[in-house]
């Protein structure tokens, strides 16, 4: 299992390798606060896990909404 970071948005789930995320300063910079850590076998598996997760932003629950909602 590898470590990844995911950013959950209603329209997409973004994935970065955790080592790359740390190298970019994601643990220190304000932009990195919304990202969540996941352990997965691949980028695709991390994105799939992220689609089932949520995060809070400004007291509101942010969760991925399936593509059908945007069709």
PDB file of N, CA and C in Angstrom:
ATOM      1  N   UNK A   1       0.839  -1.185   0.000  1.00  0.00           N
ATOM      2  CA  UNK A   1       0.000   0.000   0.000  1.00  0.00           C
ATOM      3  C   UNK A   1       0.881   1.245   0.000  1.00  0.00           C
ATOM      4  N   UNK A   2       0.465   2.208  -0.773  1.00  0.00           N
ATOM      5  CA  UNK A   2       1.178   3.480  -0.871  1.00  0.00           C
ATOM      6  C   UNK A   2       0.349   4.581  -0.229  1.00  0.00           C
ATOM      7  N   UNK A   3       0.991   5.671   0.130  1.00  0.00           N
ATOM      8  CA  UNK A   3       0.301   6.811   0.735  1.00  0.00           C
ATOM      9  C   UNK A   3       0.030   7.853  -0.343  1.00  0.00           C
ATOM     10  N   UNK A   4      -1.201   8.328  -0.369  1.00  0.00           N
ATOM     11  CA  UNK A   4      -1.627   9.366  -1.294  1.00  0.00           C
ATOM     12  C   UNK A   4      -2.368  10.438  -0.516  1.00  0.00           C
ATOM     13  N   UNK A   5      -2.534  11.584  -1.132  1.00  0.00           N
ATOM     14  CA  UNK A   5      -3.342  12.659  -0.582  1.00  0.00           C
ATOM     15  C   UNK A   5      -4.464  12.922  -1.578  1.00  0.00           C
ATOM     16  N   UNK A   6      -5.681  13.111  -1.066  1.00  0.00           N
ATOM     17  CA  UNK A   6      -6.820  13.380  -1.946  1.00  0.00           C
ATOM     18  C   UNK A   6      -7.477  14.696  -1.549  1.00  0.00           C
ATOM     19  N   UNK A   7      -7.927  15.415  -2.551  1.00  0.00           N
ATOM     20  CA  UNK A   7      -8.702  16.641  -2.355  1.00  0.00           C
ATOM     21  C   UNK A   7     -10.089  16.355  -2.897  1.00  0.00           C
ATOM     22  N   UNK A   8     -11.072  16.382  -2.020  1.00  0.00           N
ATOM     23  CA  UNK A   8     -12.440  16.040  -2.387  1.00  0.00           C
ATOM     24  C   UNK A   8     -13.198  17.321  -2.727  1.00  0.00           C
ATOM     25  N   UNK A   9     -13.717  17.362  -3.937  1.00  0.00           N
ATOM     26  CA  UNK A   9     -14.555  18.464  -4.414  1.00  0.00           C
ATOM     27  C   UNK A   9     -15.856  17.848  -4.924  1.00  0.00           C
ATOM     28  N   UNK A  10     -16.940  18.602  -4.998  1.00  0.00           N
ATOM     29  CA  UNK A  10     -18.193  18.042  -5.510  1.00  0.00           C
ATOM     30  C   UNK A  10     -18.077  17.540  -6.951  1.00  0.00           C
ATOM     31  N   UNK A  11     -17.200  18.130  -7.749  1.00  0.00           N
ATOM     32  CA  UNK A  11     -17.079  17.797  -9.169  1.00  0.00           C
ATOM     33  C   UNK A  11     -15.928  16.841  -9.483  1.00  0.00           C
ATOM     34  N   UNK A  12     -15.004  16.605  -8.535  1.00  0.00           N
ATOM     35  CA  UNK A  12     -13.855  15.738  -8.808  1.00  0.00           C
ATOM     36  C   UNK A  12     -13.130  15.387  -7.516  1.00  0.00           C
ATOM     37  N   UNK A  13     -12.322  14.337  -7.603  1.00  0.00           N
ATOM     38  CA  UNK A  13     -11.419  13.973  -6.509  1.00  0.00           C
ATOM     39  C   UNK A  13     -10.012  13.995  -7.091  1.00  0.00           C
ATOM     40  N   UNK A  14      -9.176  14.873  -6.568  1.00  0.00           N
ATOM     41  CA  UNK A  14      -7.805  15.023  -7.047  1.00  0.00           C
ATOM     42  C   UNK A  14      -6.872  14.190  -6.178  1.00  0.00           C
ATOM     43  N   UNK A  15      -5.856  13.603  -6.781  1.00  0.00           N
ATOM     44  CA  UNK A  15      -4.942  12.715  -6.068  1.00  0.00           C
ATOM     45  C   UNK A  15      -3.505  13.135  -6.321  1.00  0.00           C
ATOM     46  N   UNK A  16      -2.701  13.118  -5.253  1.00  0.00           N
ATOM     47  CA  UNK A  16      -1.258  13.345  -5.355  1.00  0.00           C
ATOM     48  C   UNK A  16      -0.549  12.277  -4.542  1.00  0.00           C
ATOM     49  N   UNK A  17       0.593  11.859  -5.020  1.00  0.00           N
ATOM     50  CA  UNK A  17       1.456  10.995  -4.225  1.00  0.00           C
ATOM     51  C   UNK A  17       1.858  11.770  -2.968  1.00  0.00           C
ATOM     52  N   UNK A  18       1.811  11.129  -1.810  1.00  0.00           N
ATOM     53  CA  UNK A  18       2.060  11.853  -0.566  1.00  0.00           C
ATOM     54  C   UNK A  18       3.471  12.449  -0.513  1.00  0.00           C
ATOM     55  N   UNK A  19       4.459  11.720  -0.989  1.00  0.00           N
ATOM     56  CA  UNK A  19       5.831  12.241  -0.977  1.00  0.00           C
ATOM     57  C   UNK A  19       5.931  13.524  -1.812  1.00  0.00           C
ATOM     58  N   UNK A  20       5.272  13.537  -2.963  1.00  0.00           N
ATOM     59  CA  UNK A  20       5.267  14.726  -3.812  1.00  0.00           C
ATOM     60  C   UNK A  20       4.518  15.863  -3.125  1.00  0.00           C
ATOM     61  N   UNK A  21       3.401  15.551  -2.477  1.00  0.00           N
ATOM     62  CA  UNK A  21       2.612  16.534  -1.734  1.00  0.00           C
ATOM     63  C   UNK A  21       3.463  17.197  -0.656  1.00  0.00           C
ATOM     64  N   UNK A  22       4.216  16.391   0.093  1.00  0.00           N
ATOM     65  CA  UNK A  22       5.085  16.917   1.155  1.00  0.00           C
ATOM     66  C   UNK A  22       6.194  17.771   0.547  1.00  0.00           C
ATOM     67  N   UNK A  23       6.774  17.299  -0.550  1.00  0.00           N
ATOM     68  CA  UNK A  23       7.840  18.041  -1.229  1.00  0.00           C
ATOM     69  C   UNK A  23       7.347  19.413  -1.695  1.00  0.00           C
ATOM     70  N   UNK A  24       6.094  19.505  -2.113  1.00  0.00           N
ATOM     71  CA  UNK A  24       5.513  20.776  -2.561  1.00  0.00           C
ATOM     72  C   UNK A  24       5.187  21.710  -1.398  1.00  0.00           C
ATOM     73  N   UNK A  25       5.248  21.198  -0.175  1.00  0.00           N
ATOM     74  CA  UNK A  25       4.944  22.025   0.984  1.00  0.00           C
ATOM     75  C   UNK A  25       3.518  21.893   1.482  1.00  0.00           C
ATOM     76  N   UNK A  26       2.815  20.866   1.057  1.00  0.00           N
ATOM     77  CA  UNK A  26       1.415  20.684   1.415  1.00  0.00           C
ATOM     78  C   UNK A  26       1.130  20.568   2.895  1.00  0.00           C
ATOM     79  N   UNK A  27       2.105  20.116   3.681  1.00  0.00           N
ATOM     80  CA  UNK A  27       1.894  20.008   5.127  1.00  0.00           C
ATOM     81  C   UNK A  27       2.069  21.348   5.827  1.00  0.00           C
ATOM     82  N   UNK A  28       2.758  22.280   5.180  1.00  0.00           N
ATOM     83  CA  UNK A  28       3.033  23.589   5.791  1.00  0.00           C
ATOM     84  C   UNK A  28       2.152  24.711   5.252  1.00  0.00           C
ATOM     85  N   UNK A  29       1.746  24.603   4.009  1.00  0.00           N
ATOM     86  CA  UNK A  29       1.031  25.686   3.336  1.00  0.00           C
ATOM     87  C   UNK A  29      -0.483  25.610   3.575  1.00  0.00           C
ATOM     88  N   UNK A  30      -1.146  26.755   3.572  1.00  0.00           N
ATOM     89  CA  UNK A  30      -2.598  26.780   3.773  1.00  0.00           C
ATOM     90  C   UNK A  30      -3.384  25.950   2.747  1.00  0.00           C
ATOM     91  N   UNK A  31      -2.909  25.895   1.501  1.00  0.00           N
ATOM     92  CA  UNK A  31      -3.635  25.146   0.471  1.00  0.00           C
ATOM     93  C   UNK A  31      -3.682  23.650   0.768  1.00  0.00           C
ATOM     94  N   UNK A  32      -2.781  23.149   1.597  1.00  0.00           N
ATOM     95  CA  UNK A  32      -2.727  21.718   1.890  1.00  0.00           C
ATOM     96  C   UNK A  32      -3.670  21.250   2.980  1.00  0.00           C
ATOM     97  N   UNK A  33      -4.298  22.178   3.685  1.00  0.00           N
ATOM     98  CA  UNK A  33      -5.161  21.813   4.812  1.00  0.00           C
ATOM     99  C   UNK A  33      -6.395  21.010   4.411  1.00  0.00           C
ATOM    100  N   UNK A  34      -6.902  21.189   3.222  1.00  0.00           N
ATOM    101  CA  UNK A  34      -8.127  20.502   2.789  1.00  0.00           C
ATOM    102  C   UNK A  34      -7.860  19.088   2.270  1.00  0.00           C
ATOM    103  N   UNK A  35      -6.602  18.723   2.068  1.00  0.00           N
ATOM    104  CA  UNK A  35      -6.265  17.410   1.530  1.00  0.00           C
ATOM    105  C   UNK A  35      -6.292  16.372   2.639  1.00  0.00           C
ATOM    106  N   UNK A  36      -6.719  15.140   2.300  1.00  0.00           N
ATOM    107  CA  UNK A  36      -6.802  14.041   3.260  1.00  0.00           C
ATOM    108  C   UNK A  36      -5.896  12.903   2.814  1.00  0.00           C
ATOM    109  N   UNK A  37      -5.304  12.225   3.781  1.00  0.00           N
ATOM    110  CA  UNK A  37      -4.394  11.113   3.492  1.00  0.00           C
ATOM    111  C   UNK A  37      -5.176   9.813   3.324  1.00  0.00           C
ATOM    112  N   UNK A  38      -4.798   9.031   2.320  1.00  0.00           N
ATOM    113  CA  UNK A  38      -5.361   7.686   2.118  1.00  0.00           C
ATOM    114  C   UNK A  38      -4.230   6.727   1.785  1.00  0.00           C
ATOM    115  N   UNK A  39      -4.454   5.472   2.101  1.00  0.00           N
ATOM    116  CA  UNK A  39      -3.518   4.426   1.719  1.00  0.00           C
ATOM    117  C   UNK A  39      -4.222   3.571   0.670  1.00  0.00           C
ATOM    118  N   UNK A  40      -3.543   3.375  -0.453  1.00  0.00           N
ATOM    119  CA  UNK A  40      -4.147   2.640  -1.556  1.00  0.00           C
ATOM    120  C   UNK A  40      -3.057   1.990  -2.398  1.00  0.00           C
ATOM    121  N   UNK A  41      -3.471   1.068  -3.241  1.00  0.00           N
ATOM    122  CA  UNK A  41      -2.514   0.348  -4.086  1.00  0.00           C
ATOM    123  C   UNK A  41      -2.140   1.121  -5.345  1.00  0.00           C
ATOM    124  N   UNK A  42      -2.953   2.117  -5.735  1.00  0.00           N
ATOM    125  CA  UNK A  42      -2.685   2.886  -6.949  1.00  0.00           C
ATOM    126  C   UNK A  42      -3.407   4.230  -6.876  1.00  0.00           C
ATOM    127  N   UNK A  43      -3.101   5.095  -7.824  1.00  0.00           N
ATOM    128  CA  UNK A  43      -3.770   6.395  -7.908  1.00  0.00           C
ATOM    129  C   UNK A  43      -5.272   6.185  -8.121  1.00  0.00           C
ATOM    130  N   UNK A  44      -5.620   5.239  -8.990  1.00  0.00           N
ATOM    131  CA  UNK A  44      -7.032   4.972  -9.267  1.00  0.00           C
ATOM    132  C   UNK A  44      -7.757   4.480  -8.016  1.00  0.00           C
ATOM    133  N   UNK A  45      -7.106   3.620  -7.236  1.00  0.00           N
ATOM    134  CA  UNK A  45      -7.705   3.116  -5.994  1.00  0.00           C
ATOM    135  C   UNK A  45      -7.853   4.249  -4.974  1.00  0.00           C
ATOM    136  N   UNK A  46      -6.881   5.152  -4.922  1.00  0.00           N
ATOM    137  CA  UNK A  46      -6.971   6.305  -4.016  1.00  0.00           C
ATOM    138  C   UNK A  46      -8.133   7.203  -4.415  1.00  0.00           C
ATOM    139  N   UNK A  47      -8.314   7.442  -5.713  1.00  0.00           N
ATOM    140  CA  UNK A  47      -9.430   8.262  -6.184  1.00  0.00           C
ATOM    141  C   UNK A  47     -10.766   7.602  -5.851  1.00  0.00           C
ATOM    142  N   UNK A  48     -10.832   6.298  -6.011  1.00  0.00           N
ATOM    143  CA  UNK A  48     -12.054   5.565  -5.685  1.00  0.00           C
ATOM    144  C   UNK A  48     -12.391   5.700  -4.199  1.00  0.00           C
ATOM    145  N   UNK A  49     -11.393   5.601  -3.340  1.00  0.00           N
ATOM    146  CA  UNK A  49     -11.611   5.788  -1.904  1.00  0.00           C
ATOM    147  C   UNK A  49     -12.053   7.215  -1.611  1.00  0.00           C
ATOM    148  N   UNK A  50     -11.439   8.176  -2.289  1.00  0.00           N
ATOM    149  CA  UNK A  50     -11.789   9.578  -2.097  1.00  0.00           C
ATOM    150  C   UNK A  50     -13.225   9.882  -2.482  1.00  0.00           C
ATOM    151  N   UNK A  51     -13.750   9.177  -3.469  1.00  0.00           N
ATOM    152  CA  UNK A  51     -15.134   9.393  -3.899  1.00  0.00           C
ATOM    153  C   UNK A  51     -16.134   8.984  -2.820  1.00  0.00           C
ATOM    154  N   UNK A  52     -15.698   8.158  -1.886  1.00  0.00           N
ATOM    155  CA  UNK A  52     -16.574   7.702  -0.803  1.00  0.00           C
ATOM    156  C   UNK A  52     -16.389   8.521   0.473  1.00  0.00           C
ATOM    157  N   UNK A  53     -15.419   9.427   0.478  1.00  0.00           N
ATOM    158  CA  UNK A  53     -15.095  10.220   1.658  1.00  0.00           C
ATOM    159  C   UNK A  53     -15.733  11.598   1.573  1.00  0.00           C
ATOM    160  N   UNK A  54     -15.556  12.379   2.616  1.00  0.00           N
ATOM    161  CA  UNK A  54     -16.001  13.762   2.645  1.00  0.00           C
ATOM    162  C   UNK A  54     -15.033  14.575   3.482  1.00  0.00           C
ATOM    163  N   UNK A  55     -15.173  15.885   3.422  1.00  0.00           N
ATOM    164  CA  UNK A  55     -14.397  16.797   4.252  1.00  0.00           C
ATOM    165  C   UNK A  55     -15.301  17.958   4.633  1.00  0.00           C
ATOM    166  N   UNK A  56     -14.893  18.716   5.624  1.00  0.00           N
ATOM    167  CA  UNK A  56     -15.666  19.889   6.035  1.00  0.00           C
ATOM    168  C   UNK A  56     -14.919  21.149   5.629  1.00  0.00           C
ATOM    169  N   UNK A  57     -15.664  22.098   5.086  1.00  0.00           N
ATOM    170  CA  UNK A  57     -15.098  23.387   4.710  1.00  0.00           C
ATOM    171  C   UNK A  57     -16.099  24.464   5.117  1.00  0.00           C
ATOM    172  N   UNK A  58     -15.692  25.309   6.018  1.00  0.00           N
ATOM    173  CA  UNK A  58     -16.580  26.368   6.496  1.00  0.00           C
ATOM    174  C   UNK A  58     -17.828  25.831   7.173  1.00  0.00           C
ATOM    175  N   UNK A  59     -17.701  24.695   7.850  1.00  0.00           N
ATOM    176  CA  UNK A  59     -18.832  24.095   8.541  1.00  0.00           C
ATOM    177  C   UNK A  59     -19.769  23.305   7.641  1.00  0.00           C
ATOM    178  N   UNK A  60     -19.462  23.225   6.340  1.00  0.00           N
ATOM    179  CA  UNK A  60     -20.305  22.472   5.412  1.00  0.00           C
ATOM    180  C   UNK A  60     -19.596  21.206   4.960  1.00  0.00           C
ATOM    181  N   UNK A  61     -20.364  20.156   4.804  1.00  0.00           N
ATOM    182  CA  UNK A  61     -19.836  18.873   4.348  1.00  0.00           C
ATOM    183  C   UNK A  61     -19.627  18.926   2.836  1.00  0.00           C
ATOM    184  N   UNK A  62     -18.422  18.634   2.393  1.00  0.00           N
ATOM    185  CA  UNK A  62     -18.095  18.614   0.963  1.00  0.00           C
ATOM    186  C   UNK A  62     -17.859  17.159   0.580  1.00  0.00           C
ATOM    187  N   UNK A  63     -18.617  16.689  -0.398  1.00  0.00           N
ATOM    188  CA  UNK A  63     -18.517  15.304  -0.836  1.00  0.00           C
ATOM    189  C   UNK A  63     -18.630  15.258  -2.354  1.00  0.00           C
ATOM    190  N   UNK A  64     -17.971  14.287  -2.967  1.00  0.00           N
ATOM    191  CA  UNK A  64     -18.037  14.104  -4.410  1.00  0.00           C
ATOM    192  C   UNK A  64     -19.460  13.742  -4.811  1.00  0.00           C
ATOM    193  N   UNK A  65     -19.957  14.378  -5.862  1.00  0.00           N
ATOM    194  CA  UNK A  65     -21.267  14.041  -6.406  1.00  0.00           C
ATOM    195  C   UNK A  65     -21.035  13.358  -7.742  1.00  0.00           C
ATOM    196  N   UNK A  66     -21.691  12.260  -7.948  1.00  0.00           N
ATOM    197  CA  UNK A  66     -21.487  11.472  -9.163  1.00  0.00           C
ATOM    198  C   UNK A  66     -21.756  12.278 -10.428  1.00  0.00           C
ATOM    199  N   UNK A  67     -21.110  11.883 -11.491  1.00  0.00           N
ATOM    200  CA  UNK A  67     -21.178  12.586 -12.763  1.00  0.00           C
ATOM    201  C   UNK A  67     -22.606  12.764 -13.254  1.00  0.00           C
ATOM    202  N   UNK A  68     -23.509  11.839 -12.904  1.00  0.00           N
ATOM    203  CA  UNK A  68     -24.882  11.931 -13.373  1.00  0.00           C
ATOM    204  C   UNK A  68     -25.528  13.247 -12.943  1.00  0.00           C
ATOM    205  N   UNK A  69     -25.100  13.784 -11.801  1.00  0.00           N
ATOM    206  CA  UNK A  69     -25.684  15.030 -11.295  1.00  0.00           C
ATOM    207  C   UNK A  69     -25.330  16.220 -12.191  1.00  0.00           C
ATOM    208  N   UNK A  70     -24.281  16.087 -13.005  1.00  0.00           N
ATOM    209  CA  UNK A  70     -23.832  17.185 -13.858  1.00  0.00           C
ATOM    210  C   UNK A  70     -24.208  16.999 -15.326  1.00  0.00           C
ATOM    211  N   UNK A  71     -24.952  15.945 -15.615  1.00  0.00           N
ATOM    212  CA  UNK A  71     -25.330  15.673 -17.013  1.00  0.00           C
ATOM    213  C   UNK A  71     -26.523  16.480 -17.438  1.00  0.00           C
TER     214      UNK A  71
END
